[in-house]
Amino acid sequence: MAEPLTIQAQGTPNPNAAKFTLNRVIAAQGTTYRDAAAAEAAWAKGLLIIPGVAQIFAVNNFISVTKRPEADWNQIGPQIEAVLQQAFA
């Protein structure tokens, strides 16, 4: 049985970006997603349709999420974690 998924959210020096570290490899190569319609990965689509999410970057075991300046981390953070739980648990 696989180890339970853990997600650790951290702020960054940019107040509009946060880093989500998982105990899973997300992407072997660094990939940036800006458009839900063009995103190949279902989890990337799921993140990009969250209102306020502008861009995501994934490499190794972490995802950097950039939000629009007017978006509130308190509202979108739990939605981001829910998408990641569903995709990688």
PDB file of N, CA and C in Angstrom:
ATOM      1  N   MET A   1       0.841  -1.184   0.000  1.00  0.00           N
ATOM      2  CA  MET A   1       0.000   0.000   0.000  1.00  0.00           C
ATOM      3  C   MET A   1       0.883   1.243   0.000  1.00  0.00           C
ATOM      4  N   ALA A   2       0.499   2.237  -0.767  1.00  0.00           N
ATOM      5  CA  ALA A   2       1.296   3.453  -0.892  1.00  0.00           C
ATOM      6  C   ALA A   2       1.242   4.272   0.393  1.00  0.00           C
ATOM      7  N   GLU A   3       2.305   4.995   0.612  1.00  0.00           N
ATOM      8  CA  GLU A   3       2.381   5.890   1.761  1.00  0.00           C
ATOM      9  C   GLU A   3       1.303   6.968   1.633  1.00  0.00           C
ATOM     10  N   PRO A   4       0.642   7.353   2.734  1.00  0.00           N
ATOM     11  CA  PRO A   4      -0.378   8.412   2.649  1.00  0.00           C
ATOM     12  C   PRO A   4       0.223   9.707   2.102  1.00  0.00           C
ATOM     13  N   LEU A   5      -0.559  10.400   1.300  1.00  0.00           N
ATOM     14  CA  LEU A   5      -0.109  11.650   0.708  1.00  0.00           C
ATOM     15  C   LEU A   5       0.040  12.724   1.771  1.00  0.00           C
ATOM     16  N   THR A   6       1.159  13.438   1.715  1.00  0.00           N
ATOM     17  CA  THR A   6       1.324  14.620   2.556  1.00  0.00           C
ATOM     18  C   THR A   6       1.562  15.808   1.636  1.00  0.00           C
ATOM     19  N   ILE A   7       0.984  16.932   2.018  1.00  0.00           N
ATOM     20  CA  ILE A   7       1.140  18.182   1.273  1.00  0.00           C
ATOM     21  C   ILE A   7       1.561  19.248   2.269  1.00  0.00           C
ATOM     22  N   GLN A   8       2.666  19.905   1.968  1.00  0.00           N
ATOM     23  CA  GLN A   8       3.140  20.981   2.833  1.00  0.00           C
ATOM     24  C   GLN A   8       3.114  22.271   2.028  1.00  0.00           C
ATOM     25  N   ALA A   9       2.332  23.239   2.476  1.00  0.00           N
ATOM     26  CA  ALA A   9       2.241  24.533   1.793  1.00  0.00           C
ATOM     27  C   ALA A   9       3.176  25.523   2.467  1.00  0.00           C
ATOM     28  N   GLN A  10       3.873  26.303   1.640  1.00  0.00           N
ATOM     29  CA  GLN A  10       4.809  27.317   2.141  1.00  0.00           C
ATOM     30  C   GLN A  10       4.630  28.589   1.341  1.00  0.00           C
ATOM     31  N   GLY A  11       4.787  29.713   2.016  1.00  0.00           N
ATOM     32  CA  GLY A  11       4.828  30.987   1.310  1.00  0.00           C
ATOM     33  C   GLY A  11       6.158  31.125   0.599  1.00  0.00           C
ATOM     34  N   THR A  12       6.240  32.112  -0.256  1.00  0.00           N
ATOM     35  CA  THR A  12       7.486  32.421  -0.967  1.00  0.00           C
ATOM     36  C   THR A  12       7.728  33.915  -0.812  1.00  0.00           C
ATOM     37  N   PRO A  13       8.877  34.406  -1.248  1.00  0.00           N
ATOM     38  CA  PRO A  13       9.090  35.854  -1.190  1.00  0.00           C
ATOM     39  C   PRO A  13       8.058  36.644  -2.014  1.00  0.00           C
ATOM     40  N   ASN A  14       7.476  36.005  -3.008  1.00  0.00           N
ATOM     41  CA  ASN A  14       6.423  36.634  -3.811  1.00  0.00           C
ATOM     42  C   ASN A  14       5.091  36.359  -3.112  1.00  0.00           C
ATOM     43  N   PRO A  15       4.371  37.391  -2.656  1.00  0.00           N
ATOM     44  CA  PRO A  15       3.101  37.153  -1.953  1.00  0.00           C
ATOM     45  C   PRO A  15       2.015  36.533  -2.838  1.00  0.00           C
ATOM     46  N   ASN A  16       2.218  36.531  -4.141  1.00  0.00           N
ATOM     47  CA  ASN A  16       1.256  35.942  -5.063  1.00  0.00           C
ATOM     48  C   ASN A  16       1.633  34.521  -5.476  1.00  0.00           C
ATOM     49  N   ALA A  17       2.638  33.948  -4.837  1.00  0.00           N
ATOM     50  CA  ALA A  17       3.057  32.579  -5.164  1.00  0.00           C
ATOM     51  C   ALA A  17       3.213  31.770  -3.879  1.00  0.00           C
ATOM     52  N   ALA A  18       2.863  30.498  -3.970  1.00  0.00           N
ATOM     53  CA  ALA A  18       3.045  29.575  -2.849  1.00  0.00           C
ATOM     54  C   ALA A  18       3.582  28.261  -3.399  1.00  0.00           C
ATOM     55  N   LYS A  19       4.329  27.563  -2.555  1.00  0.00           N
ATOM     56  CA  LYS A  19       4.942  26.297  -2.933  1.00  0.00           C
ATOM     57  C   LYS A  19       4.230  25.175  -2.177  1.00  0.00           C
ATOM     58  N   PHE A  20       3.807  24.159  -2.915  1.00  0.00           N
ATOM     59  CA  PHE A  20       3.156  22.994  -2.330  1.00  0.00           C
ATOM     60  C   PHE A  20       4.068  21.799  -2.568  1.00  0.00           C
ATOM     61  N   THR A  21       4.623  21.251  -1.477  1.00  0.00           N
ATOM     62  CA  THR A  21       5.546  20.120  -1.569  1.00  0.00           C
ATOM     63  C   THR A  21       4.795  18.853  -1.193  1.00  0.00           C
ATOM     64  N   LEU A  22       4.899  17.853  -2.054  1.00  0.00           N
ATOM     65  CA  LEU A  22       4.227  16.574  -1.846  1.00  0.00           C
ATOM     66  C   LEU A  22       5.267  15.485  -1.616  1.00  0.00           C
ATOM     67  N   ASN A  23       4.848  14.394  -1.048  1.00  0.00           N
ATOM     68  CA  ASN A  23       5.749  13.249  -0.911  1.00  0.00           C
ATOM     69  C   ASN A  23       5.571  12.298  -2.102  1.00  0.00           C
ATOM     70  N   ARG A  24       5.346  12.880  -3.258  1.00  0.00           N
ATOM     71  CA  ARG A  24       5.216  12.166  -4.529  1.00  0.00           C
ATOM     72  C   ARG A  24       5.968  12.962  -5.598  1.00  0.00           C
ATOM     73  N   VAL A  25       6.502  12.287  -6.602  1.00  0.00           N
ATOM     74  CA  VAL A  25       7.074  12.994  -7.742  1.00  0.00           C
ATOM     75  C   VAL A  25       5.914  13.415  -8.634  1.00  0.00           C
ATOM     76  N   ILE A  26       5.875  14.693  -8.953  1.00  0.00           N
ATOM     77  CA  ILE A  26       4.792  15.260  -9.759  1.00  0.00           C
ATOM     78  C   ILE A  26       5.213  15.325 -11.225  1.00  0.00           C
ATOM     79  N   ALA A  27       6.411  15.821 -11.461  1.00  0.00           N
ATOM     80  CA  ALA A  27       6.896  15.988 -12.832  1.00  0.00           C
ATOM     81  C   ALA A  27       8.408  15.792 -12.852  1.00  0.00           C
ATOM     82  N   ALA A  28       8.879  14.926 -13.729  1.00  0.00           N
ATOM     83  CA  ALA A  28      10.317  14.687 -13.850  1.00  0.00           C
ATOM     84  C   ALA A  28      11.022  15.906 -14.442  1.00  0.00           C
ATOM     85  N   GLN A  29      10.340  16.594 -15.344  1.00  0.00           N
ATOM     86  CA  GLN A  29      10.886  17.801 -15.959  1.00  0.00           C
ATOM     87  C   GLN A  29      10.030  18.980 -15.539  1.00  0.00           C
ATOM     88  N   GLY A  30      10.650  20.143 -15.375  1.00  0.00           N
ATOM     89  CA  GLY A  30       9.902  21.340 -15.020  1.00  0.00           C
ATOM     90  C   GLY A  30       8.900  21.697 -16.109  1.00  0.00           C
ATOM     91  N   THR A  31       7.659  21.902 -15.696  1.00  0.00           N
ATOM     92  CA  THR A  31       6.601  22.232 -16.639  1.00  0.00           C
ATOM     93  C   THR A  31       5.782  23.386 -16.087  1.00  0.00           C
ATOM     94  N   THR A  32       5.504  24.374 -16.926  1.00  0.00           N
ATOM     95  CA  THR A  32       4.659  25.498 -16.554  1.00  0.00           C
ATOM     96  C   THR A  32       3.332  25.374 -17.272  1.00  0.00           C
ATOM     97  N   TYR A  33       2.261  25.598 -16.536  1.00  0.00           N
ATOM     98  CA  TYR A  33       0.907  25.562 -17.088  1.00  0.00           C
ATOM     99  C   TYR A  33       0.239  26.914 -16.843  1.00  0.00           C
ATOM    100  N   ARG A  34      -0.368  27.462 -17.882  1.00  0.00           N
ATOM    101  CA  ARG A  34      -1.072  28.743 -17.755  1.00  0.00           C
ATOM    102  C   ARG A  34      -2.522  28.664 -18.229  1.00  0.00           C
ATOM    103  N   ASP A  35      -2.840  27.619 -18.980  1.00  0.00           N
ATOM    104  CA  ASP A  35      -4.143  27.519 -19.625  1.00  0.00           C
ATOM    105  C   ASP A  35      -4.732  26.134 -19.356  1.00  0.00           C
ATOM    106  N   ALA A  36      -5.899  26.102 -18.691  1.00  0.00           N
ATOM    107  CA  ALA A  36      -6.523  24.822 -18.365  1.00  0.00           C
ATOM    108  C   ALA A  36      -6.824  23.999 -19.608  1.00  0.00           C
ATOM    109  N   ALA A  37      -7.274  24.653 -20.668  1.00  0.00           N
ATOM    110  CA  ALA A  37      -7.632  23.932 -21.889  1.00  0.00           C
ATOM    111  C   ALA A  37      -6.417  23.262 -22.524  1.00  0.00           C
ATOM    112  N   ALA A  38      -5.239  23.848 -22.370  1.00  0.00           N
ATOM    113  CA  ALA A  38      -4.030  23.311 -22.988  1.00  0.00           C
ATOM    114  C   ALA A  38      -3.263  22.357 -22.067  1.00  0.00           C
ATOM    115  N   ALA A  39      -3.621  22.312 -20.792  1.00  0.00           N
ATOM    116  CA  ALA A  39      -2.895  21.465 -19.837  1.00  0.00           C
ATOM    117  C   ALA A  39      -3.170  19.995 -20.113  1.00  0.00           C
ATOM    118  N   GLU A  40      -2.109  19.219 -20.240  1.00  0.00           N
ATOM    119  CA  GLU A  40      -2.246  17.789 -20.510  1.00  0.00           C
ATOM    120  C   GLU A  40      -2.600  17.010 -19.248  1.00  0.00           C
ATOM    121  N   ALA A  41      -2.085  17.423 -18.119  1.00  0.00           N
ATOM    122  CA  ALA A  41      -2.314  16.704 -16.861  1.00  0.00           C
ATOM    123  C   ALA A  41      -3.650  17.117 -16.247  1.00  0.00           C
ATOM    124  N   ALA A  42      -4.431  16.123 -15.835  1.00  0.00           N
ATOM    125  CA  ALA A  42      -5.747  16.404 -15.244  1.00  0.00           C
ATOM    126  C   ALA A  42      -5.621  17.252 -13.983  1.00  0.00           C
ATOM    127  N   TRP A  43      -4.590  16.995 -13.169  1.00  0.00           N
ATOM    128  CA  TRP A  43      -4.431  17.773 -11.936  1.00  0.00           C
ATOM    129  C   TRP A  43      -4.133  19.235 -12.258  1.00  0.00           C
ATOM    130  N   ALA A  44      -3.379  19.483 -13.342  1.00  0.00           N
ATOM    131  CA  ALA A  44      -3.076  20.861 -13.743  1.00  0.00           C
ATOM    132  C   ALA A  44      -4.348  21.577 -14.181  1.00  0.00           C
ATOM    133  N   LYS A  45      -5.183  20.892 -14.956  1.00  0.00           N
ATOM    134  CA  LYS A  45      -6.477  21.465 -15.339  1.00  0.00           C
ATOM    135  C   LYS A  45      -7.285  21.815 -14.100  1.00  0.00           C
ATOM    136  N   GLY A  46      -7.298  20.881 -13.139  1.00  0.00           N
ATOM    137  CA  GLY A  46      -8.049  21.097 -11.902  1.00  0.00           C
ATOM    138  C   GLY A  46      -7.587  22.311 -11.137  1.00  0.00           C
ATOM    139  N   LEU A  47      -6.289  22.538 -11.111  1.00  0.00           N
ATOM    140  CA  LEU A  47      -5.764  23.720 -10.412  1.00  0.00           C
ATOM    141  C   LEU A  47      -6.077  25.003 -11.174  1.00  0.00           C
ATOM    142  N   LEU A  48      -5.927  24.961 -12.483  1.00  0.00           N
ATOM    143  CA  LEU A  48      -6.105  26.179 -13.288  1.00  0.00           C
ATOM    144  C   LEU A  48      -7.560  26.639 -13.395  1.00  0.00           C
ATOM    145  N   ILE A  49      -8.508  25.759 -13.105  1.00  0.00           N
ATOM    146  CA  ILE A  49      -9.906  26.208 -13.145  1.00  0.00           C
ATOM    147  C   ILE A  49     -10.342  26.820 -11.812  1.00  0.00           C
ATOM    148  N   ILE A  50      -9.492  26.769 -10.798  1.00  0.00           N
ATOM    149  CA  ILE A  50      -9.810  27.427  -9.530  1.00  0.00           C
ATOM    150  C   ILE A  50      -9.764  28.934  -9.767  1.00  0.00           C
ATOM    151  N   PRO A  51     -10.855  29.645  -9.468  1.00  0.00           N
ATOM    152  CA  PRO A  51     -10.849  31.099  -9.668  1.00  0.00           C
ATOM    153  C   PRO A  51      -9.717  31.754  -8.867  1.00  0.00           C
ATOM    154  N   GLY A  52      -8.907  32.533  -9.553  1.00  0.00           N
ATOM    155  CA  GLY A  52      -7.791  33.226  -8.914  1.00  0.00           C
ATOM    156  C   GLY A  52      -6.435  32.613  -9.202  1.00  0.00           C
ATOM    157  N   VAL A  53      -6.397  31.364  -9.660  1.00  0.00           N
ATOM    158  CA  VAL A  53      -5.110  30.737  -9.994  1.00  0.00           C
ATOM    159  C   VAL A  53      -4.699  31.198 -11.392  1.00  0.00           C
ATOM    160  N   ALA A  54      -3.494  31.759 -11.494  1.00  0.00           N
ATOM    161  CA  ALA A  54      -3.010  32.308 -12.765  1.00  0.00           C
ATOM    162  C   ALA A  54      -2.061  31.357 -13.483  1.00  0.00           C
ATOM    163  N   GLN A  55      -1.216  30.652 -12.716  1.00  0.00           N
ATOM    164  CA  GLN A  55      -0.168  29.825 -13.333  1.00  0.00           C
ATOM    165  C   GLN A  55       0.309  28.803 -12.321  1.00  0.00           C
ATOM    166  N   ILE A  56       0.774  27.667 -12.843  1.00  0.00           N
ATOM    167  CA  ILE A  56       1.411  26.687 -11.976  1.00  0.00           C
ATOM    168  C   ILE A  56       2.693  26.193 -12.645  1.00  0.00           C
ATOM    169  N   PHE A  57       3.641  25.841 -11.804  1.00  0.00           N
ATOM    170  CA  PHE A  57       4.903  25.275 -12.269  1.00  0.00           C
ATOM    171  C   PHE A  57       5.143  24.033 -11.425  1.00  0.00           C
ATOM    172  N   ALA A  58       5.453  22.931 -12.066  1.00  0.00           N
ATOM    173  CA  ALA A  58       5.701  21.678 -11.352  1.00  0.00           C
ATOM    174  C   ALA A  58       7.033  21.090 -11.759  1.00  0.00           C
ATOM    175  N   VAL A  59       7.767  20.596 -10.773  1.00  0.00           N
ATOM    176  CA  VAL A  59       8.997  19.843 -11.018  1.00  0.00           C
ATOM    177  C   VAL A  59       9.274  19.000  -9.777  1.00  0.00           C
ATOM    178  N   ASN A  60       9.791  17.817 -10.003  1.00  0.00           N
ATOM    179  CA  ASN A  60      10.089  16.873  -8.921  1.00  0.00           C
ATOM    180  C   ASN A  60       8.864  16.685  -8.035  1.00  0.00           C
ATOM    181  N   ASN A  61       8.988  17.063  -6.754  1.00  0.00           N
ATOM    182  CA  ASN A  61       7.895  16.818  -5.811  1.00  0.00           C
ATOM    183  C   ASN A  61       7.190  18.098  -5.360  1.00  0.00           C
ATOM    184  N   PHE A  62       7.331  19.177  -6.134  1.00  0.00           N
ATOM    185  CA  PHE A  62       6.633  20.382  -5.709  1.00  0.00           C
ATOM    186  C   PHE A  62       5.953  21.102  -6.857  1.00  0.00           C
ATOM    187  N   ILE A  63       4.952  21.861  -6.457  1.00  0.00           N
ATOM    188  CA  ILE A  63       4.180  22.678  -7.385  1.00  0.00           C
ATOM    189  C   ILE A  63       4.190  24.095  -6.844  1.00  0.00           C
ATOM    190  N   SER A  64       4.548  25.036  -7.684  1.00  0.00           N
ATOM    191  CA  SER A  64       4.459  26.456  -7.343  1.00  0.00           C
ATOM    192  C   SER A  64       3.194  26.991  -8.000  1.00  0.00           C
ATOM    193  N   VAL A  65       2.338  27.586  -7.196  1.00  0.00           N
ATOM    194  CA  VAL A  65       1.086  28.148  -7.696  1.00  0.00           C
ATOM    195  C   VAL A  65       1.167  29.660  -7.589  1.00  0.00           C
ATOM    196  N   THR A  66       0.908  30.336  -8.699  1.00  0.00           N
ATOM    197  CA  THR A  66       0.851  31.796  -8.710  1.00  0.00           C
ATOM    198  C   THR A  66      -0.610  32.201  -8.842  1.00  0.00           C
ATOM    199  N   LYS A  67      -1.026  33.081  -7.935  1.00  0.00           N
ATOM    200  CA  LYS A  67      -2.411  33.549  -7.949  1.00  0.00           C
ATOM    201  C   LYS A  67      -2.488  34.959  -8.518  1.00  0.00           C
ATOM    202  N   ARG A  68      -3.688  35.349  -8.903  1.00  0.00           N
ATOM    203  CA  ARG A  68      -3.920  36.728  -9.313  1.00  0.00           C
ATOM    204  C   ARG A  68      -3.868  37.599  -8.055  1.00  0.00           C
ATOM    205  N   PRO A  69      -3.415  38.848  -8.165  1.00  0.00           N
ATOM    206  CA  PRO A  69      -3.257  39.698  -6.968  1.00  0.00           C
ATOM    207  C   PRO A  69      -4.527  39.849  -6.133  1.00  0.00           C
ATOM    208  N   GLU A  70      -5.682  39.825  -6.763  1.00  0.00           N
ATOM    209  CA  GLU A  70      -6.929  40.015  -6.012  1.00  0.00           C
ATOM    210  C   GLU A  70      -7.418  38.747  -5.314  1.00  0.00           C
ATOM    211  N   ALA A  71      -6.847  37.596  -5.634  1.00  0.00           N
ATOM    212  CA  ALA A  71      -7.267  36.329  -5.031  1.00  0.00           C
ATOM    213  C   ALA A  71      -6.741  36.217  -3.604  1.00  0.00           C
ATOM    214  N   ASP A  72      -7.457  35.467  -2.785  1.00  0.00           N
ATOM    215  CA  ASP A  72      -7.136  35.299  -1.363  1.00  0.00           C
ATOM    216  C   ASP A  72      -6.660  33.865  -1.117  1.00  0.00           C
ATOM    217  N   TRP A  73      -5.451  33.714  -0.578  1.00  0.00           N
ATOM    218  CA  TRP A  73      -4.908  32.380  -0.304  1.00  0.00           C
ATOM    219  C   TRP A  73      -5.819  31.600   0.632  1.00  0.00           C
ATOM    220  N   ASN A  74      -6.483  32.272   1.564  1.00  0.00           N
ATOM    221  CA  ASN A  74      -7.368  31.577   2.504  1.00  0.00           C
ATOM    222  C   ASN A  74      -8.525  30.891   1.782  1.00  0.00           C
ATOM    223  N   GLN A  75      -8.913  31.407   0.636  1.00  0.00           N
ATOM    224  CA  GLN A  75      -9.994  30.800  -0.130  1.00  0.00           C
ATOM    225  C   GLN A  75      -9.485  29.765  -1.133  1.00  0.00           C
ATOM    226  N   ILE A  76      -8.391  30.093  -1.829  1.00  0.00           N
ATOM    227  CA  ILE A  76      -7.944  29.162  -2.866  1.00  0.00           C
ATOM    228  C   ILE A  76      -7.018  28.064  -2.346  1.00  0.00           C
ATOM    229  N   GLY A  77      -6.341  28.294  -1.239  1.00  0.00           N
ATOM    230  CA  GLY A  77      -5.426  27.289  -0.689  1.00  0.00           C
ATOM    231  C   GLY A  77      -6.097  25.945  -0.426  1.00  0.00           C
ATOM    232  N   PRO A  78      -7.239  25.933   0.291  1.00  0.00           N
ATOM    233  CA  PRO A  78      -7.915  24.649   0.521  1.00  0.00           C
ATOM    234  C   PRO A  78      -8.382  23.975  -0.773  1.00  0.00           C
ATOM    235  N   GLN A  79      -8.765  24.757  -1.764  1.00  0.00           N
ATOM    236  CA  GLN A  79      -9.181  24.188  -3.048  1.00  0.00           C
ATOM    237  C   GLN A  79      -7.994  23.538  -3.757  1.00  0.00           C
ATOM    238  N   ILE A  80      -6.842  24.194  -3.682  1.00  0.00           N
ATOM    239  CA  ILE A  80      -5.621  23.642  -4.283  1.00  0.00           C
ATOM    240  C   ILE A  80      -5.291  22.307  -3.616  1.00  0.00           C
ATOM    241  N   GLU A  81      -5.316  22.283  -2.290  1.00  0.00           N
ATOM    242  CA  GLU A  81      -4.992  21.050  -1.582  1.00  0.00           C
ATOM    243  C   GLU A  81      -5.992  19.946  -1.904  1.00  0.00           C
ATOM    244  N   ALA A  82      -7.261  20.287  -2.061  1.00  0.00           N
ATOM    245  CA  ALA A  82      -8.280  19.287  -2.406  1.00  0.00           C
ATOM    246  C   ALA A  82      -8.008  18.667  -3.780  1.00  0.00           C
ATOM    247  N   VAL A  83      -7.640  19.496  -4.752  1.00  0.00           N
ATOM    248  CA  VAL A  83      -7.313  18.983  -6.094  1.00  0.00           C
ATOM    249  C   VAL A  83      -6.104  18.059  -6.015  1.00  0.00           C
ATOM    250  N   LEU A  84      -5.083  18.465  -5.274  1.00  0.00           N
ATOM    251  CA  LEU A  84      -3.872  17.642  -5.149  1.00  0.00           C
ATOM    252  C   LEU A  84      -4.170  16.330  -4.429  1.00  0.00           C
ATOM    253  N   GLN A  85      -4.993  16.371  -3.391  1.00  0.00           N
ATOM    254  CA  GLN A  85      -5.377  15.136  -2.680  1.00  0.00           C
ATOM    255  C   GLN A  85      -6.085  14.180  -3.632  1.00  0.00           C
ATOM    256  N   GLN A  86      -7.010  14.706  -4.392  1.00  0.00           N
ATOM    257  CA  GLN A  86      -7.777  13.864  -5.305  1.00  0.00           C
ATOM    258  C   GLN A  86      -6.877  13.257  -6.386  1.00  0.00           C
ATOM    259  N   ALA A  87      -5.923  14.049  -6.870  1.00  0.00           N
ATOM    260  CA  ALA A  87      -5.069  13.592  -7.964  1.00  0.00           C
ATOM    261  C   ALA A  87      -3.972  12.618  -7.525  1.00  0.00           C
ATOM    262  N   PHE A  88      -3.425  12.812  -6.334  1.00  0.00           N
ATOM    263  CA  PHE A  88      -2.220  12.071  -5.974  1.00  0.00           C
ATOM    264  C   PHE A  88      -2.355  11.139  -4.768  1.00  0.00           C
ATOM    265  N   ALA A  89      -3.489  11.134  -4.088  1.00  0.00           N
ATOM    266  CA  ALA A  89      -3.641  10.281  -2.892  1.00  0.00           C
ATOM    267  C   ALA A  89      -3.762   8.817  -3.268  1.00  0.00           C
TER     268      ALA A  89
END
